[in-house]
Amino acid sequence: MKNLIVVFAGVSLLISCNGLKSKRVMVWQDEFDTSQIDKSKWTFETGGDGFGNNELQFYTRDRKENARVEDGHLIIEARKE
């Protein structure tokens, strides 16, 4: 009986979640169909020496080694220097 209740609960959950799909609405997207990051949509955070939450890393601006578009994908790369 306990297994039947668990199965019934699982099936009910799947049915209710399936109904939510039709209510989803996309509010923003970026296709990265150019060779550069669109700066009207994206900004670079910059800082160092504990920036944010006492982090050891530095955030840099406009360095293709760290942030770029390749083959339609946004690449964000951390580098040890």
PDB file of N, CA and C in Angstrom:
ATOM      1  N   MET A   1       0.823  -1.192   0.000  1.00  0.00           N
ATOM      2  CA  MET A   1       0.000   0.000   0.000  1.00  0.00           C
ATOM      3  C   MET A   1       0.869   1.259   0.000  1.00  0.00           C
ATOM      4  N   LYS A   2       1.978   1.215   0.775  1.00  0.00           N
ATOM      5  CA  LYS A   2       2.865   2.366   0.863  1.00  0.00           C
ATOM      6  C   LYS A   2       3.491   2.669  -0.504  1.00  0.00           C
ATOM      7  N   ASN A   3       3.894   1.606  -1.236  1.00  0.00           N
ATOM      8  CA  ASN A   3       4.479   1.782  -2.558  1.00  0.00           C
ATOM      9  C   ASN A   3       3.466   2.378  -3.534  1.00  0.00           C
ATOM     10  N   LEU A   4       2.214   1.987  -3.411  1.00  0.00           N
ATOM     11  CA  LEU A   4       1.159   2.508  -4.278  1.00  0.00           C
ATOM     12  C   LEU A   4       0.964   4.005  -4.046  1.00  0.00           C
ATOM     13  N   ILE A   5       1.027   4.440  -2.802  1.00  0.00           N
ATOM     14  CA  ILE A   5       0.876   5.865  -2.486  1.00  0.00           C
ATOM     15  C   ILE A   5       2.044   6.657  -3.073  1.00  0.00           C
ATOM     16  N   VAL A   6       3.267   6.125  -2.962  1.00  0.00           N
ATOM     17  CA  VAL A   6       4.446   6.798  -3.504  1.00  0.00           C
ATOM     18  C   VAL A   6       4.333   6.910  -5.021  1.00  0.00           C
ATOM     19  N   VAL A   7       3.914   5.849  -5.697  1.00  0.00           N
ATOM     20  CA  VAL A   7       3.744   5.862  -7.153  1.00  0.00           C
ATOM     21  C   VAL A   7       2.668   6.866  -7.539  1.00  0.00           C
ATOM     22  N   PHE A   8       1.549   6.869  -6.840  1.00  0.00           N
ATOM     23  CA  PHE A   8       0.462   7.799  -7.130  1.00  0.00           C
ATOM     24  C   PHE A   8       0.923   9.244  -6.954  1.00  0.00           C
ATOM     25  N   ALA A   9       1.691   9.513  -5.892  1.00  0.00           N
ATOM     26  CA  ALA A   9       2.202  10.866  -5.646  1.00  0.00           C
ATOM     27  C   ALA A   9       3.159  11.282  -6.767  1.00  0.00           C
ATOM     28  N   GLY A  10       4.003  10.371  -7.198  1.00  0.00           N
ATOM     29  CA  GLY A  10       4.947  10.671  -8.290  1.00  0.00           C
ATOM     30  C   GLY A  10       4.237  10.972  -9.588  1.00  0.00           C
ATOM     31  N   VAL A  11       3.237  10.171  -9.930  1.00  0.00           N
ATOM     32  CA  VAL A  11       2.463  10.392 -11.159  1.00  0.00           C
ATOM     33  C   VAL A  11       1.715  11.718 -11.072  1.00  0.00           C
ATOM     34  N   SER A  12       1.135  12.030  -9.933  1.00  0.00           N
ATOM     35  CA  SER A  12       0.419  13.298  -9.753  1.00  0.00           C
ATOM     36  C   SER A  12       1.361  14.481  -9.934  1.00  0.00           C
ATOM     37  N   LEU A  13       2.574  14.364  -9.402  1.00  0.00           N
ATOM     38  CA  LEU A  13       3.557  15.430  -9.525  1.00  0.00           C
ATOM     39  C   LEU A  13       3.947  15.628 -10.990  1.00  0.00           C
ATOM     40  N   LEU A  14       4.177  14.545 -11.713  1.00  0.00           N
ATOM     41  CA  LEU A  14       4.526  14.656 -13.129  1.00  0.00           C
ATOM     42  C   LEU A  14       3.409  15.314 -13.931  1.00  0.00           C
ATOM     43  N   ILE A  15       2.179  14.945 -13.666  1.00  0.00           N
ATOM     44  CA  ILE A  15       1.044  15.526 -14.387  1.00  0.00           C
ATOM     45  C   ILE A  15       0.936  17.015 -14.089  1.00  0.00           C
ATOM     46  N   SER A  16       1.098  17.409 -12.827  1.00  0.00           N
ATOM     47  CA  SER A  16       0.968  18.822 -12.476  1.00  0.00           C
ATOM     48  C   SER A  16       2.129  19.634 -13.047  1.00  0.00           C
ATOM     49  N   CYS A  17       3.346  19.098 -13.070  1.00  0.00           N
ATOM     50  CA  CYS A  17       4.487  19.819 -13.642  1.00  0.00           C
ATOM     51  C   CYS A  17       4.371  19.934 -15.151  1.00  0.00           C
ATOM     52  N   ASN A  18       3.798  18.937 -15.791  1.00  0.00           N
ATOM     53  CA  ASN A  18       3.625  18.965 -17.236  1.00  0.00           C
ATOM     54  C   ASN A  18       2.709  20.122 -17.641  1.00  0.00           C
ATOM     55  N   GLY A  19       1.727  20.432 -16.848  1.00  0.00           N
ATOM     56  CA  GLY A  19       0.819  21.530 -17.150  1.00  0.00           C
ATOM     57  C   GLY A  19       1.482  22.890 -17.041  1.00  0.00           C
ATOM     58  N   LEU A  20       2.569  23.006 -16.288  1.00  0.00           N
ATOM     59  CA  LEU A  20       3.268  24.281 -16.124  1.00  0.00           C
ATOM     60  C   LEU A  20       4.036  24.686 -17.373  1.00  0.00           C
ATOM     61  N   LYS A  21       4.428  23.743 -18.204  1.00  0.00           N
ATOM     62  CA  LYS A  21       5.213  24.040 -19.395  1.00  0.00           C
ATOM     63  C   LYS A  21       4.528  25.066 -20.284  1.00  0.00           C
ATOM     64  N   SER A  22       3.238  24.968 -20.446  1.00  0.00           N
ATOM     65  CA  SER A  22       2.531  25.864 -21.351  1.00  0.00           C
ATOM     66  C   SER A  22       2.462  27.287 -20.810  1.00  0.00           C
ATOM     67  N   LYS A  23       2.745  27.496 -19.532  1.00  0.00           N
ATOM     68  CA  LYS A  23       2.668  28.824 -18.931  1.00  0.00           C
ATOM     69  C   LYS A  23       4.014  29.539 -18.913  1.00  0.00           C
ATOM     70  N   ARG A  24       5.066  28.913 -19.362  1.00  0.00           N
ATOM     71  CA  ARG A  24       6.387  29.523 -19.364  1.00  0.00           C
ATOM     72  C   ARG A  24       6.487  30.554 -20.490  1.00  0.00           C
ATOM     73  N   VAL A  25       7.104  31.680 -20.191  1.00  0.00           N
ATOM     74  CA  VAL A  25       7.292  32.740 -21.170  1.00  0.00           C
ATOM     75  C   VAL A  25       8.748  33.184 -21.125  1.00  0.00           C
ATOM     76  N   MET A  26       9.425  33.169 -22.267  1.00  0.00           N
ATOM     77  CA  MET A  26      10.799  33.622 -22.320  1.00  0.00           C
ATOM     78  C   MET A  26      10.817  35.144 -22.193  1.00  0.00           C
ATOM     79  N   VAL A  27      11.655  35.656 -21.311  1.00  0.00           N
ATOM     80  CA  VAL A  27      11.705  37.098 -21.105  1.00  0.00           C
ATOM     81  C   VAL A  27      12.979  37.727 -21.663  1.00  0.00           C
ATOM     82  N   TRP A  28      14.019  36.929 -21.937  1.00  0.00           N
ATOM     83  CA  TRP A  28      15.254  37.485 -22.473  1.00  0.00           C
ATOM     84  C   TRP A  28      16.103  36.357 -23.039  1.00  0.00           C
ATOM     85  N   GLN A  29      16.858  36.666 -24.101  1.00  0.00           N
ATOM     86  CA  GLN A  29      17.822  35.711 -24.644  1.00  0.00           C
ATOM     87  C   GLN A  29      18.856  36.447 -25.466  1.00  0.00           C
ATOM     88  N   ASP A  30      19.973  35.804 -25.701  1.00  0.00           N
ATOM     89  CA  ASP A  30      21.003  36.341 -26.580  1.00  0.00           C
ATOM     90  C   ASP A  30      21.522  35.171 -27.399  1.00  0.00           C
ATOM     91  N   GLU A  31      21.581  35.343 -28.693  1.00  0.00           N
ATOM     92  CA  GLU A  31      21.961  34.250 -29.594  1.00  0.00           C
ATOM     93  C   GLU A  31      23.461  34.172 -29.869  1.00  0.00           C
ATOM     94  N   PHE A  32      24.221  35.216 -29.578  1.00  0.00           N
ATOM     95  CA  PHE A  32      25.665  35.259 -29.835  1.00  0.00           C
ATOM     96  C   PHE A  32      25.982  34.916 -31.289  1.00  0.00           C
ATOM     97  N   ASP A  33      25.232  35.552 -32.190  1.00  0.00           N
ATOM     98  CA  ASP A  33      25.416  35.289 -33.620  1.00  0.00           C
ATOM     99  C   ASP A  33      26.367  36.284 -34.281  1.00  0.00           C
ATOM    100  N   THR A  34      27.099  37.058 -33.486  1.00  0.00           N
ATOM    101  CA  THR A  34      28.143  37.931 -34.002  1.00  0.00           C
ATOM    102  C   THR A  34      29.470  37.474 -33.419  1.00  0.00           C
ATOM    103  N   SER A  35      30.539  38.099 -33.850  1.00  0.00           N
ATOM    104  CA  SER A  35      31.856  37.680 -33.370  1.00  0.00           C
ATOM    105  C   SER A  35      32.276  38.407 -32.103  1.00  0.00           C
ATOM    106  N   GLN A  36      31.456  39.359 -31.626  1.00  0.00           N
ATOM    107  CA  GLN A  36      31.813  40.115 -30.433  1.00  0.00           C
ATOM    108  C   GLN A  36      30.670  40.101 -29.425  1.00  0.00           C
ATOM    109  N   ILE A  37      31.011  40.333 -28.162  1.00  0.00           N
ATOM    110  CA  ILE A  37      30.011  40.440 -27.107  1.00  0.00           C
ATOM    111  C   ILE A  37      29.254  41.752 -27.299  1.00  0.00           C
ATOM    112  N   ASP A  38      27.943  41.685 -27.283  1.00  0.00           N
ATOM    113  CA  ASP A  38      27.096  42.863 -27.457  1.00  0.00           C
ATOM    114  C   ASP A  38      27.067  43.648 -26.146  1.00  0.00           C
ATOM    115  N   LYS A  39      27.783  44.771 -26.112  1.00  0.00           N
ATOM    116  CA  LYS A  39      27.917  45.545 -24.872  1.00  0.00           C
ATOM    117  C   LYS A  39      26.644  46.295 -24.505  1.00  0.00           C
ATOM    118  N   SER A  40      25.644  46.286 -25.377  1.00  0.00           N
ATOM    119  CA  SER A  40      24.360  46.867 -24.987  1.00  0.00           C
ATOM    120  C   SER A  40      23.560  45.876 -24.134  1.00  0.00           C
ATOM    121  N   LYS A  41      23.968  44.594 -24.151  1.00  0.00           N
ATOM    122  CA  LYS A  41      23.303  43.552 -23.368  1.00  0.00           C
ATOM    123  C   LYS A  41      24.146  43.061 -22.193  1.00  0.00           C
ATOM    124  N   TRP A  42      25.466  43.178 -22.302  1.00  0.00           N
ATOM    125  CA  TRP A  42      26.378  42.611 -21.311  1.00  0.00           C
ATOM    126  C   TRP A  42      27.318  43.681 -20.796  1.00  0.00           C
ATOM    127  N   THR A  43      27.664  43.608 -19.522  1.00  0.00           N
ATOM    128  CA  THR A  43      28.662  44.501 -18.944  1.00  0.00           C
ATOM    129  C   THR A  43      29.714  43.665 -18.227  1.00  0.00           C
ATOM    130  N   PHE A  44      30.899  44.236 -18.078  1.00  0.00           N
ATOM    131  CA  PHE A  44      31.986  43.570 -17.382  1.00  0.00           C
ATOM    132  C   PHE A  44      32.087  44.127 -15.971  1.00  0.00           C
ATOM    133  N   GLU A  45      32.100  43.253 -14.969  1.00  0.00           N
ATOM    134  CA  GLU A  45      32.397  43.690 -13.608  1.00  0.00           C
ATOM    135  C   GLU A  45      33.908  43.777 -13.494  1.00  0.00           C
ATOM    136  N   THR A  46      34.389  44.826 -12.872  1.00  0.00           N
ATOM    137  CA  THR A  46      35.827  44.962 -12.681  1.00  0.00           C
ATOM    138  C   THR A  46      36.118  45.181 -11.197  1.00  0.00           C
ATOM    139  N   GLY A  47      37.273  44.726 -10.771  1.00  0.00           N
ATOM    140  CA  GLY A  47      37.658  44.925  -9.379  1.00  0.00           C
ATOM    141  C   GLY A  47      38.742  43.939  -8.985  1.00  0.00           C
ATOM    142  N   GLY A  48      39.281  44.139  -7.817  1.00  0.00           N
ATOM    143  CA  GLY A  48      40.324  43.265  -7.309  1.00  0.00           C
ATOM    144  C   GLY A  48      40.623  43.577  -5.859  1.00  0.00           C
ATOM    145  N   ASP A  49      41.647  42.932  -5.320  1.00  0.00           N
ATOM    146  CA  ASP A  49      42.051  43.141  -3.926  1.00  0.00           C
ATOM    147  C   ASP A  49      40.890  42.916  -2.958  1.00  0.00           C
ATOM    148  N   GLY A  50      40.210  41.783  -3.112  1.00  0.00           N
ATOM    149  CA  GLY A  50      39.110  41.468  -2.212  1.00  0.00           C
ATOM    150  C   GLY A  50      37.758  41.944  -2.700  1.00  0.00           C
ATOM    151  N   PHE A  51      37.683  42.370  -3.923  1.00  0.00           N
ATOM    152  CA  PHE A  51      36.443  42.865  -4.524  1.00  0.00           C
ATOM    153  C   PHE A  51      35.289  41.919  -4.233  1.00  0.00           C
ATOM    154  N   GLY A  52      34.172  42.454  -3.799  1.00  0.00           N
ATOM    155  CA  GLY A  52      32.977  41.648  -3.573  1.00  0.00           C
ATOM    156  C   GLY A  52      32.950  40.985  -2.225  1.00  0.00           C
ATOM    157  N   ASN A  53      33.623  39.856  -2.086  1.00  0.00           N
ATOM    158  CA  ASN A  53      33.558  39.098  -0.830  1.00  0.00           C
ATOM    159  C   ASN A  53      34.936  38.560  -0.431  1.00  0.00           C
ATOM    160  N   ASN A  54      35.920  39.443  -0.440  1.00  0.00           N
ATOM    161  CA  ASN A  54      37.299  39.100  -0.079  1.00  0.00           C
ATOM    162  C   ASN A  54      37.891  38.030  -0.988  1.00  0.00           C
ATOM    163  N   GLU A  55      37.532  38.078  -2.282  1.00  0.00           N
ATOM    164  CA  GLU A  55      38.047  37.132  -3.267  1.00  0.00           C
ATOM    165  C   GLU A  55      39.503  37.453  -3.596  1.00  0.00           C
ATOM    166  N   LEU A  56      40.250  36.453  -4.013  1.00  0.00           N
ATOM    167  CA  LEU A  56      41.639  36.658  -4.391  1.00  0.00           C
ATOM    168  C   LEU A  56      41.786  37.030  -5.862  1.00  0.00           C
ATOM    169  N   GLN A  57      40.758  36.817  -6.670  1.00  0.00           N
ATOM    170  CA  GLN A  57      40.873  37.069  -8.100  1.00  0.00           C
ATOM    171  C   GLN A  57      40.557  38.522  -8.454  1.00  0.00           C
ATOM    172  N   PHE A  58      40.963  38.891  -9.672  1.00  0.00           N
ATOM    173  CA  PHE A  58      40.700  40.211 -10.226  1.00  0.00           C
ATOM    174  C   PHE A  58      39.725  40.049 -11.389  1.00  0.00           C
ATOM    175  N   TYR A  59      38.805  40.980 -11.525  1.00  0.00           N
ATOM    176  CA  TYR A  59      37.878  41.014 -12.654  1.00  0.00           C
ATOM    177  C   TYR A  59      38.391  42.056 -13.632  1.00  0.00           C
ATOM    178  N   THR A  60      38.518  41.687 -14.896  1.00  0.00           N
ATOM    179  CA  THR A  60      39.102  42.576 -15.901  1.00  0.00           C
ATOM    180  C   THR A  60      38.065  42.973 -16.941  1.00  0.00           C
ATOM    181  N   ARG A  61      38.380  43.973 -17.734  1.00  0.00           N
ATOM    182  CA  ARG A  61      37.470  44.506 -18.743  1.00  0.00           C
ATOM    183  C   ARG A  61      38.071  44.312 -20.146  1.00  0.00           C
ATOM    184  N   ASP A  62      37.220  43.920 -21.074  1.00  0.00           N
ATOM    185  CA  ASP A  62      37.570  43.917 -22.506  1.00  0.00           C
ATOM    186  C   ASP A  62      38.847  43.158 -22.845  1.00  0.00           C
ATOM    187  N   ARG A  63      39.034  41.993 -22.280  1.00  0.00           N
ATOM    188  CA  ARG A  63      40.173  41.144 -22.649  1.00  0.00           C
ATOM    189  C   ARG A  63      39.644  39.897 -23.321  1.00  0.00           C
ATOM    190  N   LYS A  64      39.975  39.713 -24.593  1.00  0.00           N
ATOM    191  CA  LYS A  64      39.461  38.562 -25.346  1.00  0.00           C
ATOM    192  C   LYS A  64      39.952  37.238 -24.764  1.00  0.00           C
ATOM    193  N   GLU A  65      41.034  37.283 -23.984  1.00  0.00           N
ATOM    194  CA  GLU A  65      41.514  36.057 -23.348  1.00  0.00           C
ATOM    195  C   GLU A  65      40.514  35.566 -22.300  1.00  0.00           C
ATOM    196  N   ASN A  66      39.729  36.495 -21.740  1.00  0.00           N
ATOM    197  CA  ASN A  66      38.828  36.152 -20.645  1.00  0.00           C
ATOM    198  C   ASN A  66      37.364  36.025 -21.049  1.00  0.00           C
ATOM    199  N   ALA A  67      36.898  36.848 -21.977  1.00  0.00           N
ATOM    200  CA  ALA A  67      35.484  36.809 -22.377  1.00  0.00           C
ATOM    201  C   ALA A  67      35.397  37.082 -23.872  1.00  0.00           C
ATOM    202  N   ARG A  68      34.748  36.150 -24.598  1.00  0.00           N
ATOM    203  CA  ARG A  68      34.678  36.277 -26.053  1.00  0.00           C
ATOM    204  C   ARG A  68      33.541  35.415 -26.588  1.00  0.00           C
ATOM    205  N   VAL A  69      33.228  35.595 -27.857  1.00  0.00           N
ATOM    206  CA  VAL A  69      32.240  34.769 -28.541  1.00  0.00           C
ATOM    207  C   VAL A  69      32.991  33.909 -29.547  1.00  0.00           C
ATOM    208  N   GLU A  70      32.752  32.608 -29.500  1.00  0.00           N
ATOM    209  CA  GLU A  70      33.343  31.660 -30.455  1.00  0.00           C
ATOM    210  C   GLU A  70      32.265  30.709 -30.941  1.00  0.00           C
ATOM    211  N   ASP A  71      32.102  30.612 -32.235  1.00  0.00           N
ATOM    212  CA  ASP A  71      31.148  29.676 -32.843  1.00  0.00           C
ATOM    213  C   ASP A  71      29.755  29.784 -32.226  1.00  0.00           C
ATOM    214  N   GLY A  72      29.305  31.014 -31.951  1.00  0.00           N
ATOM    215  CA  GLY A  72      27.967  31.220 -31.426  1.00  0.00           C
ATOM    216  C   GLY A  72      27.806  30.949 -29.940  1.00  0.00           C
ATOM    217  N   HIS A  73      28.924  30.811 -29.221  1.00  0.00           N
ATOM    218  CA  HIS A  73      28.870  30.551 -27.774  1.00  0.00           C
ATOM    219  C   HIS A  73      29.648  31.626 -27.026  1.00  0.00           C
ATOM    220  N   LEU A  74      29.110  32.041 -25.879  1.00  0.00           N
ATOM    221  CA  LEU A  74      29.821  32.961 -25.003  1.00  0.00           C
ATOM    222  C   LEU A  74      30.835  32.162 -24.193  1.00  0.00           C
ATOM    223  N   ILE A  75      32.092  32.535 -24.279  1.00  0.00           N
ATOM    224  CA  ILE A  75      33.166  31.868 -23.531  1.00  0.00           C
ATOM    225  C   ILE A  75      33.625  32.826 -22.441  1.00  0.00           C
ATOM    226  N   ILE A  76      33.538  32.402 -21.194  1.00  0.00           N
ATOM    227  CA  ILE A  76      34.064  33.148 -20.054  1.00  0.00           C
ATOM    228  C   ILE A  76      35.159  32.294 -19.444  1.00  0.00           C
ATOM    229  N   GLU A  77      36.372  32.779 -19.459  1.00  0.00           N
ATOM    230  CA  GLU A  77      37.532  31.959 -19.106  1.00  0.00           C
ATOM    231  C   GLU A  77      38.323  32.617 -17.972  1.00  0.00           C
ATOM    232  N   ALA A  78      38.559  31.883 -16.911  1.00  0.00           N
ATOM    233  CA  ALA A  78      39.419  32.360 -15.823  1.00  0.00           C
ATOM    234  C   ALA A  78      40.843  31.931 -16.136  1.00  0.00           C
ATOM    235  N   ARG A  79      41.784  32.839 -15.899  1.00  0.00           N
ATOM    236  CA  ARG A  79      43.187  32.558 -16.186  1.00  0.00           C
ATOM    237  C   ARG A  79      44.043  32.898 -14.977  1.00  0.00           C
ATOM    238  N   LYS A  80      45.003  32.049 -14.706  1.00  0.00           N
ATOM    239  CA  LYS A  80      45.954  32.328 -13.630  1.00  0.00           C
ATOM    240  C   LYS A  80      47.141  33.076 -14.245  1.00  0.00           C
ATOM    241  N   GLU A  81      47.407  34.247 -13.707  1.00  0.00           N
ATOM    242  CA  GLU A  81      48.502  35.061 -14.255  1.00  0.00           C
ATOM    243  C   GLU A  81      49.440  35.490 -13.154  1.00  0.00           C
TER     244      GLU A  81
END
